[in-house]
Amino acid sequence: MDKIEELEKYKKLLDDGAITEDEFRLMKQKILGLKTDEEKAAEKQAEREQALAEIEKLREEKKRAQEEVQAREAAERQRQAAEQNRIIQEERNRQEAARQAEQAEQARINQMQLQQAYNEEKAKEAARLDAARAQEMKIRQERNQKMQGTAKTAASVLKTVLLWIVAVFLILYAVGAFSIGGIKYVLSGIDSLLLAVLCCPLITKKVKSIPKVVQYYGIKKIITIVLVILFFVIIIV
């Protein structure tokens, strides 16, 4: 049975109402080697699913590509941020090093200024101490000079008083010796008067004011010693 006879057979069955229009169309497609609607629908569905799969694949690839781009962009941003942070950190380190160097230099300058001020103050203090010591030494010298002057004055006054006492004593002795009489007492009286003249401060002052006599004043001590020795010789003999 060829394909035409089969078609006529199924046509007759369709006309007789034994099969439906859809069943006839399906049988006709099988006989003629055509695809059925189900197969076409299945193919379309498969094609649609394949197309959807391709679209989904493309979407996935696009998504992966976008993710890769985003990852590369993120990595680039991170690299740029890291590079920027490195530059900022280097700049901060440089500024910190410069600040520390400036602080060290300022500290050195302050130390030098403090040392200079200390040396100046030390020199001033040494000068003040020297001036104080010089002033104290001057005051001490003046005090010593005053004390020496006072001592000299006191010694001079005491010497003058003693000389007056000795002179008065010798004069009184001479008056007494002259009143007793005798060669021995007269000679001792004369000796006493000569010693009284040499001891008298008033006569000594007057003699020093005479230029012609003052040149012989240097032998006063010798004359005094001789007269004292002569006085004791006369008394003893």
C-alpha atoms as a PDB file:
ATOM      1  CA  MET A   1       0.000   0.000   0.000  1.00  0.00           C
ATOM      2  CA  ASP A   2       1.435   3.240  -1.085  1.00  0.00           C
ATOM      3  CA  LYS A   3       1.113   6.596   0.612  1.00  0.00           C
ATOM      4  CA  ILE A   4      -1.826   7.739  -1.597  1.00  0.00           C
ATOM      5  CA  GLU A   5      -3.884   4.702  -0.751  1.00  0.00           C
ATOM      6  CA  GLU A   6      -3.185   5.201   2.947  1.00  0.00           C
ATOM      7  CA  LEU A   7      -4.216   8.828   2.670  1.00  0.00           C
ATOM      8  CA  GLU A   8      -7.442   7.834   0.879  1.00  0.00           C
ATOM      9  CA  LYS A   9      -8.103   5.225   3.580  1.00  0.00           C
ATOM     10  CA  TYR A  10      -7.704   7.719   6.387  1.00  0.00           C
ATOM     11  CA  LYS A  11      -9.717  10.308   4.373  1.00  0.00           C
ATOM     12  CA  LYS A  12     -12.572   7.858   4.105  1.00  0.00           C
ATOM     13  CA  LEU A  13     -12.362   7.194   7.840  1.00  0.00           C
ATOM     14  CA  LEU A  14     -12.460  11.002   8.421  1.00  0.00           C
ATOM     15  CA  ASP A  15     -15.467  11.290   6.121  1.00  0.00           C
ATOM     16  CA  ASP A  16     -17.161   8.436   7.885  1.00  0.00           C
ATOM     17  CA  GLY A  17     -16.526  10.137  11.197  1.00  0.00           C
ATOM     18  CA  ALA A  18     -14.342   7.337  12.475  1.00  0.00           C
ATOM     19  CA  ILE A  19     -11.453   9.718  13.191  1.00  0.00           C
ATOM     20  CA  THR A  20     -11.214  13.369  13.953  1.00  0.00           C
ATOM     21  CA  GLU A  21      -9.667  16.089  11.879  1.00  0.00           C
ATOM     22  CA  ASP A  22      -6.665  16.264  14.188  1.00  0.00           C
ATOM     23  CA  GLU A  23      -6.151  12.496  14.011  1.00  0.00           C
ATOM     24  CA  PHE A  24      -6.357  12.647  10.200  1.00  0.00           C
ATOM     25  CA  ARG A  25      -3.843  15.500  10.078  1.00  0.00           C
ATOM     26  CA  LEU A  26      -1.494  13.583  12.371  1.00  0.00           C
ATOM     27  CA  MET A  27      -1.737  10.408  10.270  1.00  0.00           C
ATOM     28  CA  LYS A  28      -1.218  12.404   7.077  1.00  0.00           C
ATOM     29  CA  GLN A  29       1.941  13.997   8.483  1.00  0.00           C
ATOM     30  CA  LYS A  30       3.277  10.550   9.462  1.00  0.00           C
ATOM     31  CA  ILE A  31       2.514   9.076   6.026  1.00  0.00           C
ATOM     32  CA  LEU A  32       4.053  11.990   4.182  1.00  0.00           C
ATOM     33  CA  GLY A  33       7.052  12.017   6.515  1.00  0.00           C
ATOM     34  CA  LEU A  34       6.226  15.461   7.852  1.00  0.00           C
ATOM     35  CA  LYS A  35       6.683  16.458  11.426  1.00  0.00           C
ATOM     36  CA  THR A  36       3.739  16.492  13.621  1.00  0.00           C
ATOM     37  CA  ASP A  37       2.473  19.531  15.446  1.00  0.00           C
ATOM     38  CA  GLU A  38       3.640  17.953  18.685  1.00  0.00           C
ATOM     39  CA  GLU A  39       7.067  17.395  17.230  1.00  0.00           C
ATOM     40  CA  LYS A  40       7.067  20.903  15.821  1.00  0.00           C
ATOM     41  CA  ALA A  41       5.921  22.221  19.159  1.00  0.00           C
ATOM     42  CA  ALA A  42       8.526  20.067  20.873  1.00  0.00           C
ATOM     43  CA  GLU A  43      11.186  21.336  18.466  1.00  0.00           C
ATOM     44  CA  LYS A  44      10.014  24.888  18.963  1.00  0.00           C
ATOM     45  CA  GLN A  45      10.023  24.302  22.683  1.00  0.00           C
ATOM     46  CA  ALA A  46      13.493  22.773  22.421  1.00  0.00           C
ATOM     47  CA  GLU A  47      14.648  25.639  20.234  1.00  0.00           C
ATOM     48  CA  ARG A  48      13.115  28.105  22.641  1.00  0.00           C
ATOM     49  CA  GLU A  49      14.734  26.351  25.549  1.00  0.00           C
ATOM     50  CA  GLN A  50      18.035  26.229  23.655  1.00  0.00           C
ATOM     51  CA  ALA A  51      17.662  29.889  22.805  1.00  0.00           C
ATOM     52  CA  LEU A  52      16.819  30.619  26.419  1.00  0.00           C
ATOM     53  CA  ALA A  53      19.801  28.525  27.443  1.00  0.00           C
ATOM     54  CA  GLU A  54      21.979  30.446  24.988  1.00  0.00           C
ATOM     55  CA  ILE A  55      20.526  33.694  26.257  1.00  0.00           C
ATOM     56  CA  GLU A  56      21.065  32.564  29.814  1.00  0.00           C
ATOM     57  CA  LYS A  57      24.588  31.493  28.873  1.00  0.00           C
ATOM     58  CA  LEU A  58      25.176  34.857  27.246  1.00  0.00           C
ATOM     59  CA  ARG A  59      23.741  36.513  30.305  1.00  0.00           C
ATOM     60  CA  GLU A  60      25.995  34.421  32.489  1.00  0.00           C
ATOM     61  CA  GLU A  61      28.989  35.222  30.281  1.00  0.00           C
ATOM     62  CA  LYS A  62      28.004  38.893  30.263  1.00  0.00           C
ATOM     63  CA  LYS A  63      27.547  38.757  34.022  1.00  0.00           C
ATOM     64  CA  ARG A  64      30.906  37.027  34.428  1.00  0.00           C
ATOM     65  CA  ALA A  65      32.454  39.564  32.076  1.00  0.00           C
ATOM     66  CA  GLN A  66      30.845  42.380  34.061  1.00  0.00           C
ATOM     67  CA  GLU A  67      31.977  40.748  37.300  1.00  0.00           C
ATOM     68  CA  GLU A  68      35.484  40.385  35.887  1.00  0.00           C
ATOM     69  CA  VAL A  69      35.393  44.016  34.758  1.00  0.00           C
ATOM     70  CA  GLN A  70      34.053  45.039  38.124  1.00  0.00           C
ATOM     71  CA  ALA A  71      36.681  42.884  39.822  1.00  0.00           C
ATOM     72  CA  ARG A  72      39.402  44.423  37.658  1.00  0.00           C
ATOM     73  CA  GLU A  73      37.965  47.873  38.336  1.00  0.00           C
ATOM     74  CA  ALA A  74      37.775  47.071  42.059  1.00  0.00           C
ATOM     75  CA  ALA A  75      41.343  45.736  41.983  1.00  0.00           C
ATOM     76  CA  GLU A  76      42.447  48.832  40.076  1.00  0.00           C
ATOM     77  CA  ARG A  77      40.627  51.048  42.557  1.00  0.00           C
ATOM     78  CA  GLN A  78      42.239  49.125  45.402  1.00  0.00           C
ATOM     79  CA  ARG A  79      45.620  49.447  43.714  1.00  0.00           C
ATOM     80  CA  GLN A  80      45.070  53.147  43.143  1.00  0.00           C
ATOM     81  CA  ALA A  81      43.829  53.537  46.717  1.00  0.00           C
ATOM     82  CA  ALA A  82      46.844  51.585  47.992  1.00  0.00           C
ATOM     83  CA  GLU A  83      49.160  53.676  45.821  1.00  0.00           C
ATOM     84  CA  GLN A  84      47.456  56.848  47.013  1.00  0.00           C
ATOM     85  CA  ASN A  85      47.680  55.658  50.607  1.00  0.00           C
ATOM     86  CA  ARG A  86      51.345  54.824  50.061  1.00  0.00           C
ATOM     87  CA  ILE A  87      51.985  58.291  48.633  1.00  0.00           C
ATOM     88  CA  ILE A  88      50.020  59.885  51.480  1.00  0.00           C
ATOM     89  CA  GLN A  89      51.902  57.768  54.037  1.00  0.00           C
ATOM     90  CA  GLU A  90      55.238  58.664  52.449  1.00  0.00           C
ATOM     91  CA  GLU A  91      54.257  62.330  52.518  1.00  0.00           C
ATOM     92  CA  ARG A  92      53.195  61.987  56.157  1.00  0.00           C
ATOM     93  CA  ASN A  93      56.457  60.209  56.970  1.00  0.00           C
ATOM     94  CA  ARG A  94      58.383  62.928  55.159  1.00  0.00           C
ATOM     95  CA  GLN A  95      56.456  65.642  56.999  1.00  0.00           C
ATOM     96  CA  GLU A  96      56.919  63.795  60.303  1.00  0.00           C
ATOM     97  CA  ALA A  97      60.650  63.410  59.650  1.00  0.00           C
ATOM     98  CA  ALA A  98      60.853  67.097  58.726  1.00  0.00           C
ATOM     99  CA  ARG A  99      58.882  68.020  61.857  1.00  0.00           C
ATOM    100  CA  GLN A 100      61.110  65.860  64.031  1.00  0.00           C
ATOM    101  CA  ALA A 101      64.205  67.339  62.391  1.00  0.00           C
ATOM    102  CA  GLU A 102      62.791  70.822  62.944  1.00  0.00           C
ATOM    103  CA  GLN A 103      62.001  69.977  66.570  1.00  0.00           C
ATOM    104  CA  ALA A 104      65.503  68.557  67.030  1.00  0.00           C
ATOM    105  CA  GLU A 105      67.016  71.687  65.478  1.00  0.00           C
ATOM    106  CA  GLN A 106      64.794  73.893  67.640  1.00  0.00           C
ATOM    107  CA  ALA A 107      65.745  71.861  70.703  1.00  0.00           C
ATOM    108  CA  ARG A 108      69.429  72.251  69.777  1.00  0.00           C
ATOM    109  CA  ILE A 109      68.974  76.007  69.305  1.00  0.00           C
ATOM    110  CA  ASN A 110      67.091  76.223  72.624  1.00  0.00           C
ATOM    111  CA  GLN A 111      69.849  74.212  74.309  1.00  0.00           C
ATOM    112  CA  MET A 112      72.468  76.528  72.828  1.00  0.00           C
ATOM    113  CA  GLN A 113      70.481  79.564  73.919  1.00  0.00           C
ATOM    114  CA  LEU A 114      70.052  78.123  77.407  1.00  0.00           C
ATOM    115  CA  GLN A 115      73.770  77.275  77.555  1.00  0.00           C
ATOM    116  CA  GLN A 116      74.648  80.764  76.335  1.00  0.00           C
ATOM    117  CA  ALA A 117      72.269  82.344  78.847  1.00  0.00           C
ATOM    118  CA  TYR A 118      73.717  80.103  81.559  1.00  0.00           C
ATOM    119  CA  ASN A 119      77.267  81.078  80.579  1.00  0.00           C
ATOM    120  CA  GLU A 120      76.321  84.760  80.496  1.00  0.00           C
ATOM    121  CA  GLU A 121      74.579  84.482  83.865  1.00  0.00           C
ATOM    122  CA  LYS A 122      77.544  82.543  85.204  1.00  0.00           C
ATOM    123  CA  ALA A 123      79.912  85.238  83.924  1.00  0.00           C
ATOM    124  CA  LYS A 124      77.706  87.931  85.455  1.00  0.00           C
ATOM    125  CA  GLU A 125      77.593  86.028  88.735  1.00  0.00           C
ATOM    126  CA  ALA A 126      81.377  85.605  88.626  1.00  0.00           C
ATOM    127  CA  ALA A 127      81.726  89.333  87.900  1.00  0.00           C
ATOM    128  CA  ARG A 128      79.375  90.127  90.784  1.00  0.00           C
ATOM    129  CA  LEU A 129      81.335  87.834  93.070  1.00  0.00           C
ATOM    130  CA  ASP A 130      84.607  89.402  91.940  1.00  0.00           C
ATOM    131  CA  ALA A 131      83.144  92.853  92.475  1.00  0.00           C
ATOM    132  CA  ALA A 132      81.801  91.782  95.875  1.00  0.00           C
ATOM    133  CA  ARG A 133      85.169  90.280  96.815  1.00  0.00           C
ATOM    134  CA  ALA A 134      86.949  93.398  95.564  1.00  0.00           C
ATOM    135  CA  GLN A 135      84.531  95.581  97.516  1.00  0.00           C
ATOM    136  CA  GLU A 136      84.935  93.399 100.577  1.00  0.00           C
ATOM    137  CA  MET A 137      88.719  93.497 100.200  1.00  0.00           C
ATOM    138  CA  LYS A 138      88.577  97.258  99.783  1.00  0.00           C
ATOM    139  CA  ILE A 139      86.387  97.602 102.860  1.00  0.00           C
ATOM    140  CA  ARG A 140      88.722  95.270 104.741  1.00  0.00           C
ATOM    141  CA  GLN A 141      91.748  97.262 103.621  1.00  0.00           C
ATOM    142  CA  GLU A 142      90.037 100.498 104.614  1.00  0.00           C
ATOM    143  CA  ARG A 143      89.085  98.933 107.934  1.00  0.00           C
ATOM    144  CA  ASN A 144      92.646  97.705 108.415  1.00  0.00           C
ATOM    145  CA  GLN A 145      93.974 101.113 107.461  1.00  0.00           C
ATOM    146  CA  LYS A 146      91.586 102.734 109.914  1.00  0.00           C
ATOM    147  CA  MET A 147      92.558 100.233 112.577  1.00  0.00           C
ATOM    148  CA  GLN A 148      96.217 100.773 111.802  1.00  0.00           C
ATOM    149  CA  GLY A 149      95.669 104.529 111.846  1.00  0.00           C
ATOM    150  CA  THR A 150      93.790 104.219 115.126  1.00  0.00           C
ATOM    151  CA  ALA A 151      96.510 101.979 116.515  1.00  0.00           C
ATOM    152  CA  LYS A 152      99.183 104.375 115.317  1.00  0.00           C
ATOM    153  CA  THR A 153      97.272 107.292 116.809  1.00  0.00           C
ATOM    154  CA  ALA A 154      96.789 105.433 120.071  1.00  0.00           C
ATOM    155  CA  ALA A 155     100.426 104.389 120.084  1.00  0.00           C
ATOM    156  CA  SER A 156     101.483 107.944 119.305  1.00  0.00           C
ATOM    157  CA  VAL A 157      99.257 109.305 122.080  1.00  0.00           C
ATOM    158  CA  LEU A 158     100.531 106.671 124.510  1.00  0.00           C
ATOM    159  CA  LYS A 159     104.092 107.382 123.475  1.00  0.00           C
ATOM    160  CA  THR A 160     103.531 111.108 123.944  1.00  0.00           C
ATOM    161  CA  VAL A 161     101.964 110.542 127.366  1.00  0.00           C
ATOM    162  CA  LEU A 162     104.834 108.264 128.416  1.00  0.00           C
ATOM    163  CA  LEU A 163     107.405 110.741 127.145  1.00  0.00           C
ATOM    164  CA  TRP A 164     105.717 113.534 129.102  1.00  0.00           C
ATOM    165  CA  ILE A 165     105.649 111.349 132.217  1.00  0.00           C
ATOM    166  CA  VAL A 166     109.349 110.490 131.789  1.00  0.00           C
ATOM    167  CA  ALA A 167     110.218 114.130 131.081  1.00  0.00           C
ATOM    168  CA  VAL A 168     108.303 115.358 134.146  1.00  0.00           C
ATOM    169  CA  PHE A 169     109.866 112.616 136.238  1.00  0.00           C
ATOM    170  CA  LEU A 170     113.386 113.571 135.064  1.00  0.00           C
ATOM    171  CA  ILE A 171     112.743 117.285 135.704  1.00  0.00           C
ATOM    172  CA  LEU A 172     111.470 116.536 139.199  1.00  0.00           C
ATOM    173  CA  TYR A 173     114.487 114.316 139.787  1.00  0.00           C
ATOM    174  CA  ALA A 174     116.823 117.096 138.585  1.00  0.00           C
ATOM    175  CA  VAL A 175     115.142 119.642 140.881  1.00  0.00           C
ATOM    176  CA  GLY A 176     115.497 117.233 143.766  1.00  0.00           C
ATOM    177  CA  ALA A 177     119.129 116.488 142.920  1.00  0.00           C
ATOM    178  CA  PHE A 178     119.985 120.220 142.677  1.00  0.00           C
ATOM    179  CA  SER A 179     118.322 120.853 146.029  1.00  0.00           C
ATOM    180  CA  ILE A 180     120.361 118.116 147.705  1.00  0.00           C
ATOM    181  CA  GLY A 181     123.624 119.456 146.357  1.00  0.00           C
ATOM    182  CA  GLY A 182     126.925 117.622 145.931  1.00  0.00           C
ATOM    183  CA  ILE A 183     128.805 116.973 142.715  1.00  0.00           C
ATOM    184  CA  LYS A 184     127.243 113.555 142.249  1.00  0.00           C
ATOM    185  CA  TYR A 185     123.664 114.825 142.495  1.00  0.00           C
ATOM    186  CA  VAL A 186     124.407 117.951 140.449  1.00  0.00           C
ATOM    187  CA  LEU A 187     125.883 115.851 137.623  1.00  0.00           C
ATOM    188  CA  SER A 188     122.961 113.411 137.762  1.00  0.00           C
ATOM    189  CA  GLY A 189     120.567 116.375 137.758  1.00  0.00           C
ATOM    190  CA  ILE A 190     122.239 117.867 134.712  1.00  0.00           C
ATOM    191  CA  ASP A 191     122.040 114.465 133.022  1.00  0.00           C
ATOM    192  CA  SER A 192     118.376 114.218 133.978  1.00  0.00           C
ATOM    193  CA  LEU A 193     117.646 117.676 132.518  1.00  0.00           C
ATOM    194  CA  LEU A 194     119.358 116.704 129.264  1.00  0.00           C
ATOM    195  CA  LEU A 195     117.309 113.478 129.116  1.00  0.00           C
ATOM    196  CA  ALA A 196     114.134 115.465 129.914  1.00  0.00           C
ATOM    197  CA  VAL A 197     114.902 117.811 127.010  1.00  0.00           C
ATOM    198  CA  LEU A 198     115.374 114.843 124.661  1.00  0.00           C
ATOM    199  CA  CYS A 199     112.184 113.154 125.911  1.00  0.00           C
ATOM    200  CA  CYS A 200     109.933 116.216 125.899  1.00  0.00           C
ATOM    201  CA  PRO A 201     107.465 115.897 122.978  1.00  0.00           C
ATOM    202  CA  LEU A 202     107.027 119.660 122.688  1.00  0.00           C
ATOM    203  CA  ILE A 203     110.768 120.271 122.320  1.00  0.00           C
ATOM    204  CA  THR A 204     111.071 117.385 119.871  1.00  0.00           C
ATOM    205  CA  LYS A 205     108.269 118.878 117.740  1.00  0.00           C
ATOM    206  CA  LYS A 206     109.925 122.299 117.736  1.00  0.00           C
ATOM    207  CA  VAL A 207     113.300 120.842 116.807  1.00  0.00           C
ATOM    208  CA  LYS A 208     111.809 118.954 113.861  1.00  0.00           C
ATOM    209  CA  SER A 209     110.482 122.254 112.481  1.00  0.00           C
ATOM    210  CA  ILE A 210     114.020 123.773 112.373  1.00  0.00           C
ATOM    211  CA  PRO A 211     115.723 122.726 109.084  1.00  0.00           C
ATOM    212  CA  LYS A 212     119.273 123.302 110.336  1.00  0.00           C
ATOM    213  CA  VAL A 213     118.771 121.214 113.475  1.00  0.00           C
ATOM    214  CA  VAL A 214     116.653 118.395 112.048  1.00  0.00           C
ATOM    215  CA  GLN A 215     119.688 116.891 110.265  1.00  0.00           C
ATOM    216  CA  TYR A 216     121.222 116.159 113.708  1.00  0.00           C
ATOM    217  CA  TYR A 217     118.012 114.590 114.965  1.00  0.00           C
ATOM    218  CA  GLY A 218     119.142 111.225 113.646  1.00  0.00           C
ATOM    219  CA  ILE A 219     121.730 110.844 116.436  1.00  0.00           C
ATOM    220  CA  LYS A 220     119.078 111.496 119.144  1.00  0.00           C
ATOM    221  CA  LYS A 221     118.875 107.810 120.038  1.00  0.00           C
ATOM    222  CA  ILE A 222     122.636 107.548 120.417  1.00  0.00           C
ATOM    223  CA  ILE A 223     122.746 110.653 122.637  1.00  0.00           C
ATOM    224  CA  THR A 224     119.838 109.313 124.718  1.00  0.00           C
ATOM    225  CA  ILE A 225     121.562 105.947 125.216  1.00  0.00           C
ATOM    226  CA  VAL A 226     124.798 107.654 126.202  1.00  0.00           C
ATOM    227  CA  LEU A 227     123.019 109.926 128.692  1.00  0.00           C
ATOM    228  CA  VAL A 228     121.113 106.982 130.215  1.00  0.00           C
ATOM    229  CA  ILE A 229     124.339 105.036 130.620  1.00  0.00           C
ATOM    230  CA  LEU A 230     126.053 108.126 132.103  1.00  0.00           C
ATOM    231  CA  PHE A 231     123.110 108.622 134.499  1.00  0.00           C
ATOM    232  CA  PHE A 232     123.397 105.090 135.884  1.00  0.00           C
ATOM    233  CA  VAL A 233     127.199 105.404 136.075  1.00  0.00           C
ATOM    234  CA  ILE A 234     126.875 108.602 138.129  1.00  0.00           C
ATOM    235  CA  ILE A 235     124.245 107.040 140.413  1.00  0.00           C
ATOM    236  CA  ILE A 236     126.261 103.890 140.965  1.00  0.00           C
ATOM    237  CA  VAL A 237     129.584 105.676 141.525  1.00  0.00           C
END
